N, C-alpha and C. Protein backbone atom coordinates (compact mmCIF):
# COMPACT_ATOMS: atom_id res chain seq x y z
N MET A 1 -29.82 -18.09 5.94
CA MET A 1 -28.55 -18.61 6.07
C MET A 1 -27.58 -17.72 5.24
N SER A 2 -28.16 -17.12 4.18
CA SER A 2 -27.27 -16.41 3.33
C SER A 2 -26.95 -15.04 4.04
N ILE A 3 -27.87 -14.56 4.87
CA ILE A 3 -27.42 -13.28 5.47
C ILE A 3 -26.42 -13.65 6.44
N LEU A 4 -26.32 -14.67 7.21
CA LEU A 4 -25.30 -15.10 8.19
C LEU A 4 -23.95 -15.16 7.32
N ILE A 5 -23.91 -15.66 6.15
CA ILE A 5 -22.77 -16.02 5.39
C ILE A 5 -22.19 -14.50 4.92
N TYR A 6 -23.03 -13.69 4.66
CA TYR A 6 -22.62 -12.31 4.28
C TYR A 6 -22.03 -11.51 5.45
N LEU A 7 -22.71 -11.88 6.63
CA LEU A 7 -22.03 -11.05 7.88
C LEU A 7 -20.76 -11.66 8.16
N VAL A 8 -20.65 -12.91 8.08
CA VAL A 8 -19.35 -13.50 8.62
C VAL A 8 -18.28 -13.17 7.54
N THR A 9 -18.63 -13.10 6.18
CA THR A 9 -17.68 -12.74 5.34
C THR A 9 -17.22 -11.25 5.44
N ALA A 10 -18.13 -10.38 5.69
CA ALA A 10 -17.69 -9.02 5.94
C ALA A 10 -16.79 -8.94 7.20
N VAL A 11 -17.08 -9.56 8.41
CA VAL A 11 -16.19 -9.63 9.51
C VAL A 11 -14.88 -10.41 9.14
N PHE A 12 -14.92 -11.30 8.27
CA PHE A 12 -13.63 -11.95 7.77
C PHE A 12 -12.75 -10.97 7.23
N ILE A 13 -13.36 -10.26 6.24
CA ILE A 13 -12.57 -9.26 5.43
C ILE A 13 -11.98 -8.03 6.42
N ILE A 14 -12.87 -7.66 7.33
CA ILE A 14 -12.20 -6.52 8.11
C ILE A 14 -11.05 -7.22 9.13
N CYS A 15 -11.37 -8.43 9.61
CA CYS A 15 -10.32 -8.99 10.28
C CYS A 15 -9.02 -9.18 9.62
N SER A 16 -9.05 -9.61 8.30
CA SER A 16 -7.94 -9.82 7.58
C SER A 16 -7.22 -8.53 7.32
N LEU A 17 -7.99 -7.47 6.96
CA LEU A 17 -7.24 -6.08 6.84
C LEU A 17 -6.59 -5.66 8.09
N LEU A 18 -7.26 -5.84 9.16
CA LEU A 18 -6.74 -5.38 10.55
C LEU A 18 -5.36 -6.20 10.81
N LEU A 19 -5.48 -7.47 10.46
CA LEU A 19 -4.33 -8.42 10.78
C LEU A 19 -3.30 -7.98 9.87
N THR A 20 -3.43 -7.73 8.68
CA THR A 20 -2.44 -7.20 7.75
C THR A 20 -1.81 -5.99 8.26
N LEU A 21 -2.57 -5.06 8.68
CA LEU A 21 -2.07 -3.72 9.35
C LEU A 21 -1.07 -4.03 10.46
N VAL A 22 -1.67 -4.69 11.31
CA VAL A 22 -0.98 -4.91 12.65
C VAL A 22 0.35 -5.81 12.33
N VAL A 23 0.30 -6.50 11.45
CA VAL A 23 1.62 -7.21 11.19
C VAL A 23 2.70 -6.37 10.51
N LEU A 24 2.22 -5.47 9.73
CA LEU A 24 3.03 -4.57 9.06
C LEU A 24 3.61 -3.50 9.97
N VAL A 25 2.77 -3.02 10.97
CA VAL A 25 3.23 -1.98 12.03
C VAL A 25 4.27 -2.62 12.96
N GLN A 26 4.34 -3.90 13.13
CA GLN A 26 5.21 -4.46 14.28
C GLN A 26 6.61 -4.25 13.83
N LYS A 27 7.45 -4.00 14.79
CA LYS A 27 8.86 -3.87 14.68
C LYS A 27 9.64 -5.13 14.72
N PRO A 28 10.10 -5.77 13.57
CA PRO A 28 10.75 -6.99 13.42
C PRO A 28 12.07 -7.01 14.19
N ARG A 29 12.43 -8.05 14.56
CA ARG A 29 13.82 -8.23 15.22
C ARG A 29 14.94 -7.86 14.25
N SER A 30 14.80 -8.20 12.96
CA SER A 30 15.88 -7.91 12.08
C SER A 30 15.68 -6.59 11.22
N GLU A 31 14.81 -5.67 11.69
CA GLU A 31 14.54 -4.38 11.10
C GLU A 31 14.20 -4.57 9.61
N GLY A 32 13.18 -5.43 9.21
CA GLY A 32 12.86 -5.63 7.85
C GLY A 32 11.83 -4.49 7.37
N LEU A 33 10.63 -4.91 6.82
CA LEU A 33 9.72 -4.00 6.47
C LEU A 33 9.24 -3.15 7.48
N GLY A 34 9.27 -3.45 8.78
CA GLY A 34 8.81 -2.41 9.75
C GLY A 34 9.61 -1.21 9.85
N SER A 35 10.77 -1.14 9.38
CA SER A 35 11.63 0.01 9.43
C SER A 35 11.13 1.05 8.29
N ALA A 36 10.56 0.51 7.32
CA ALA A 36 10.09 1.29 6.14
C ALA A 36 8.83 2.17 6.67
N PHE A 37 8.20 1.69 7.75
CA PHE A 37 7.09 2.45 8.35
C PHE A 37 7.51 3.18 9.56
N GLY A 38 8.62 3.19 9.77
CA GLY A 38 9.30 3.97 10.95
C GLY A 38 9.19 3.09 12.21
N GLY A 39 10.00 2.13 12.19
CA GLY A 39 9.99 1.08 13.34
C GLY A 39 10.09 1.64 14.81
N GLY A 40 10.64 2.73 14.98
CA GLY A 40 10.93 3.38 16.24
C GLY A 40 9.68 4.18 16.66
N MET A 41 8.90 4.62 15.48
CA MET A 41 7.72 5.60 15.78
C MET A 41 6.60 4.84 16.59
N THR A 42 6.49 3.65 16.38
CA THR A 42 5.41 2.95 17.24
C THR A 42 5.72 3.02 18.61
N ASP A 43 7.09 2.86 19.08
CA ASP A 43 7.56 2.91 20.40
C ASP A 43 7.20 4.24 21.14
N SER A 44 7.47 5.28 20.24
CA SER A 44 7.28 6.77 20.76
C SER A 44 5.81 7.01 20.59
N LEU A 45 5.17 6.54 19.78
CA LEU A 45 3.59 6.78 19.67
C LEU A 45 2.83 6.13 20.63
N PHE A 46 3.03 4.79 20.80
CA PHE A 46 2.12 4.12 21.73
C PHE A 46 2.79 3.65 23.05
N GLY A 47 4.03 4.01 23.11
CA GLY A 47 4.73 3.60 24.53
C GLY A 47 5.76 2.51 24.36
N ALA A 48 6.53 2.17 25.35
CA ALA A 48 7.63 1.15 25.27
C ALA A 48 6.97 -0.21 25.14
N GLN A 49 5.91 -0.50 25.73
CA GLN A 49 5.26 -1.74 25.71
C GLN A 49 4.43 -2.13 24.38
N THR A 50 4.57 -1.41 23.44
CA THR A 50 3.89 -1.61 22.20
C THR A 50 4.18 -2.98 21.63
N THR A 51 5.41 -3.37 21.69
CA THR A 51 5.52 -4.66 21.08
C THR A 51 4.77 -5.85 21.70
N ASP A 52 4.64 -5.78 22.98
CA ASP A 52 3.77 -6.87 23.70
C ASP A 52 2.24 -6.78 23.33
N ALA A 53 1.82 -5.59 23.17
CA ALA A 53 0.37 -5.18 22.96
C ALA A 53 0.20 -5.79 21.45
N LEU A 54 1.10 -5.40 20.51
CA LEU A 54 0.83 -5.66 19.09
C LEU A 54 1.02 -7.11 18.95
N THR A 55 1.84 -7.83 19.75
CA THR A 55 2.03 -9.31 19.79
C THR A 55 0.64 -10.02 20.11
N LYS A 56 0.12 -9.50 21.17
CA LYS A 56 -1.13 -9.91 21.67
C LYS A 56 -2.37 -9.75 20.58
N ILE A 57 -2.31 -8.58 20.12
CA ILE A 57 -3.37 -8.21 19.08
C ILE A 57 -3.27 -9.11 17.93
N THR A 58 -2.01 -9.41 17.54
CA THR A 58 -1.81 -10.28 16.23
C THR A 58 -2.24 -11.56 16.57
N ILE A 59 -2.05 -12.01 17.77
CA ILE A 59 -2.59 -13.47 18.10
C ILE A 59 -3.96 -13.70 18.18
N TRP A 60 -4.70 -12.66 18.84
CA TRP A 60 -6.15 -12.52 18.89
C TRP A 60 -6.80 -12.42 17.42
N LEU A 61 -6.16 -11.56 16.56
CA LEU A 61 -6.71 -11.48 15.33
C LEU A 61 -6.51 -12.76 14.43
N ALA A 62 -5.38 -13.22 14.59
CA ALA A 62 -5.08 -14.61 13.85
C ALA A 62 -6.11 -15.70 14.46
N GLY A 63 -6.41 -15.71 15.60
CA GLY A 63 -7.44 -16.79 16.13
C GLY A 63 -8.62 -16.44 15.65
N PHE A 64 -9.12 -15.23 15.51
CA PHE A 64 -10.37 -14.84 14.96
C PHE A 64 -10.50 -15.12 13.53
N PHE A 65 -9.33 -14.80 12.70
CA PHE A 65 -9.36 -15.06 11.29
C PHE A 65 -9.52 -16.58 11.10
N PHE A 66 -8.85 -17.41 11.73
CA PHE A 66 -9.17 -18.87 11.65
C PHE A 66 -10.51 -19.25 11.99
N ALA A 67 -11.11 -18.66 12.96
CA ALA A 67 -12.43 -19.24 13.40
C ALA A 67 -13.49 -18.71 12.40
N CYS A 68 -13.14 -17.48 11.74
CA CYS A 68 -14.11 -16.99 10.83
C CYS A 68 -14.01 -17.88 9.45
N THR A 69 -12.70 -18.37 9.25
CA THR A 69 -12.42 -19.29 8.12
C THR A 69 -13.33 -20.51 8.30
N LEU A 70 -13.20 -21.12 9.45
CA LEU A 70 -13.81 -22.36 9.71
C LEU A 70 -15.32 -22.20 9.79
N GLY A 71 -15.84 -21.07 10.43
CA GLY A 71 -17.23 -20.79 10.30
C GLY A 71 -17.81 -20.60 8.86
N LEU A 72 -17.05 -20.03 8.02
CA LEU A 72 -17.54 -19.86 6.63
C LEU A 72 -17.42 -21.24 5.94
N ALA A 73 -16.49 -21.97 6.23
CA ALA A 73 -16.50 -23.38 5.66
C ALA A 73 -17.69 -24.20 6.07
N ILE A 74 -18.03 -24.13 7.36
CA ILE A 74 -19.25 -24.76 7.81
C ILE A 74 -20.43 -24.26 7.22
N LEU A 75 -20.59 -22.91 7.23
CA LEU A 75 -21.80 -22.30 6.66
C LEU A 75 -21.99 -22.72 5.14
N TYR A 76 -21.00 -22.58 4.29
CA TYR A 76 -21.09 -23.03 2.92
C TYR A 76 -21.36 -24.43 2.79
N ALA A 77 -20.84 -25.39 3.61
CA ALA A 77 -21.24 -26.82 3.48
C ALA A 77 -22.59 -27.13 3.75
N HIS A 78 -23.28 -26.27 4.73
CA HIS A 78 -24.68 -26.58 5.14
C HIS A 78 -25.75 -25.83 4.34
N ARG A 79 -25.27 -24.97 3.47
CA ARG A 79 -26.38 -24.33 2.71
C ARG A 79 -26.90 -25.23 1.59
N LYS A 80 -28.08 -24.72 1.18
CA LYS A 80 -28.84 -25.50 0.32
C LYS A 80 -28.28 -25.46 -1.05
N PRO A 81 -27.96 -26.55 -1.56
CA PRO A 81 -27.23 -26.54 -2.98
C PRO A 81 -27.98 -25.95 -3.98
N ALA A 82 -27.41 -25.07 -4.73
CA ALA A 82 -28.01 -24.48 -5.92
C ALA A 82 -28.31 -25.40 -6.91
N GLN A 83 -29.38 -25.30 -7.70
CA GLN A 83 -29.84 -26.19 -8.69
C GLN A 83 -29.06 -25.82 -10.06
N SER A 84 -28.73 -26.68 -10.74
CA SER A 84 -28.20 -26.28 -12.00
C SER A 84 -29.09 -25.55 -13.08
N PHE A 85 -28.66 -24.89 -14.07
CA PHE A 85 -29.38 -24.02 -14.84
C PHE A 85 -30.40 -24.80 -15.62
N SER A 86 -29.97 -26.19 -15.97
CA SER A 86 -30.68 -27.08 -16.84
C SER A 86 -31.95 -27.58 -16.03
N GLU A 87 -31.72 -27.78 -14.78
CA GLU A 87 -32.91 -28.14 -13.91
C GLU A 87 -33.82 -26.99 -13.74
N GLU A 88 -33.39 -25.75 -13.68
CA GLU A 88 -34.24 -24.70 -13.49
C GLU A 88 -35.07 -24.44 -14.79
N LEU A 89 -34.51 -24.77 -15.88
CA LEU A 89 -35.21 -24.69 -17.14
C LEU A 89 -36.27 -25.61 -17.22
N SER A 90 -36.00 -26.88 -16.84
CA SER A 90 -36.92 -28.02 -16.99
C SER A 90 -38.16 -27.76 -16.11
N LYS A 91 -38.07 -26.87 -15.19
CA LYS A 91 -39.25 -26.54 -14.28
C LYS A 91 -40.09 -25.55 -14.89
N VAL A 92 -39.77 -24.90 -16.00
CA VAL A 92 -40.62 -23.86 -16.72
C VAL A 92 -41.77 -24.59 -17.20
N PRO A 93 -42.96 -24.16 -16.97
CA PRO A 93 -44.13 -24.86 -17.65
C PRO A 93 -44.14 -24.48 -19.02
N ALA A 94 -44.77 -25.52 -19.82
CA ALA A 94 -44.95 -25.38 -21.19
C ALA A 94 -45.84 -24.09 -21.47
N PRO A 95 -45.47 -23.64 -22.67
CA PRO A 95 -46.51 -22.37 -22.98
C PRO A 95 -47.79 -22.80 -23.15
N LEU A 96 -48.79 -21.87 -22.90
CA LEU A 96 -50.15 -22.13 -23.10
C LEU A 96 -50.48 -22.19 -24.47
N GLU A 97 -51.58 -22.86 -24.90
CA GLU A 97 -51.96 -23.01 -26.24
C GLU A 97 -52.47 -21.50 -26.66
N GLN A 98 -52.04 -21.07 -27.55
CA GLN A 98 -52.66 -19.80 -27.97
C GLN A 98 -53.65 -19.91 -29.15
N THR A 99 -54.77 -19.15 -29.08
CA THR A 99 -55.73 -19.25 -30.15
C THR A 99 -55.65 -18.06 -30.94
N ALA A 100 -56.10 -18.09 -32.18
CA ALA A 100 -56.06 -17.12 -33.03
C ALA A 100 -56.97 -15.91 -32.68
N PRO A 101 -56.68 -14.82 -32.75
CA PRO A 101 -57.55 -13.79 -32.28
C PRO A 101 -58.86 -13.72 -33.23
N ALA A 102 -60.03 -13.50 -32.59
CA ALA A 102 -61.24 -13.26 -33.52
C ALA A 102 -60.93 -12.22 -34.50
N SER A 103 -61.56 -12.35 -35.72
CA SER A 103 -61.37 -11.43 -36.67
C SER A 103 -62.32 -10.16 -36.22
N PRO A 104 -61.84 -8.97 -36.39
CA PRO A 104 -62.66 -7.86 -35.96
C PRO A 104 -63.98 -7.96 -36.81
N ALA A 105 -65.06 -7.54 -36.10
CA ALA A 105 -66.28 -7.48 -36.81
C ALA A 105 -66.33 -6.20 -37.75
N THR A 106 -66.69 -6.35 -38.99
CA THR A 106 -66.67 -5.31 -39.89
C THR A 106 -68.09 -4.64 -39.91
N PRO A 107 -68.11 -3.26 -39.61
CA PRO A 107 -69.31 -2.69 -39.45
C PRO A 107 -70.18 -2.67 -40.88
N GLU A 108 -71.36 -2.74 -40.60
CA GLU A 108 -72.28 -2.86 -41.75
C GLU A 108 -72.50 -1.39 -42.36
N PRO A 109 -72.53 -1.31 -43.60
CA PRO A 109 -72.70 0.04 -44.20
C PRO A 109 -73.97 0.57 -43.78
N ALA A 110 -73.99 1.86 -43.50
CA ALA A 110 -75.36 2.55 -43.14
C ALA A 110 -76.36 2.74 -44.36
N GLN A 111 -77.55 2.50 -44.23
CA GLN A 111 -78.58 2.51 -45.20
C GLN A 111 -79.52 3.68 -45.04
């Protein structure tokens, strides 16, 4: 399940970056931030119908963004809850009883 969460999170980040870029490229009606990026440049670069295409792309990306958000919420709600640190520590077995090492045998002097 965690692999799916990582995959959807990666798609979510890519979608949010694309959505941000598409919104910034659009030519606003009141010539706001879009004029800083060259508002007329998109028309000459992509054609006269760019506004309609960017609007459709924005709508699709926004829908995909919300779907990813909902999917991540469901995935996080259904994943196995992590145990607390104290519960993990209580599962650690008690240390084994250690015995003193046997004293090394002393060699007999040679006769």
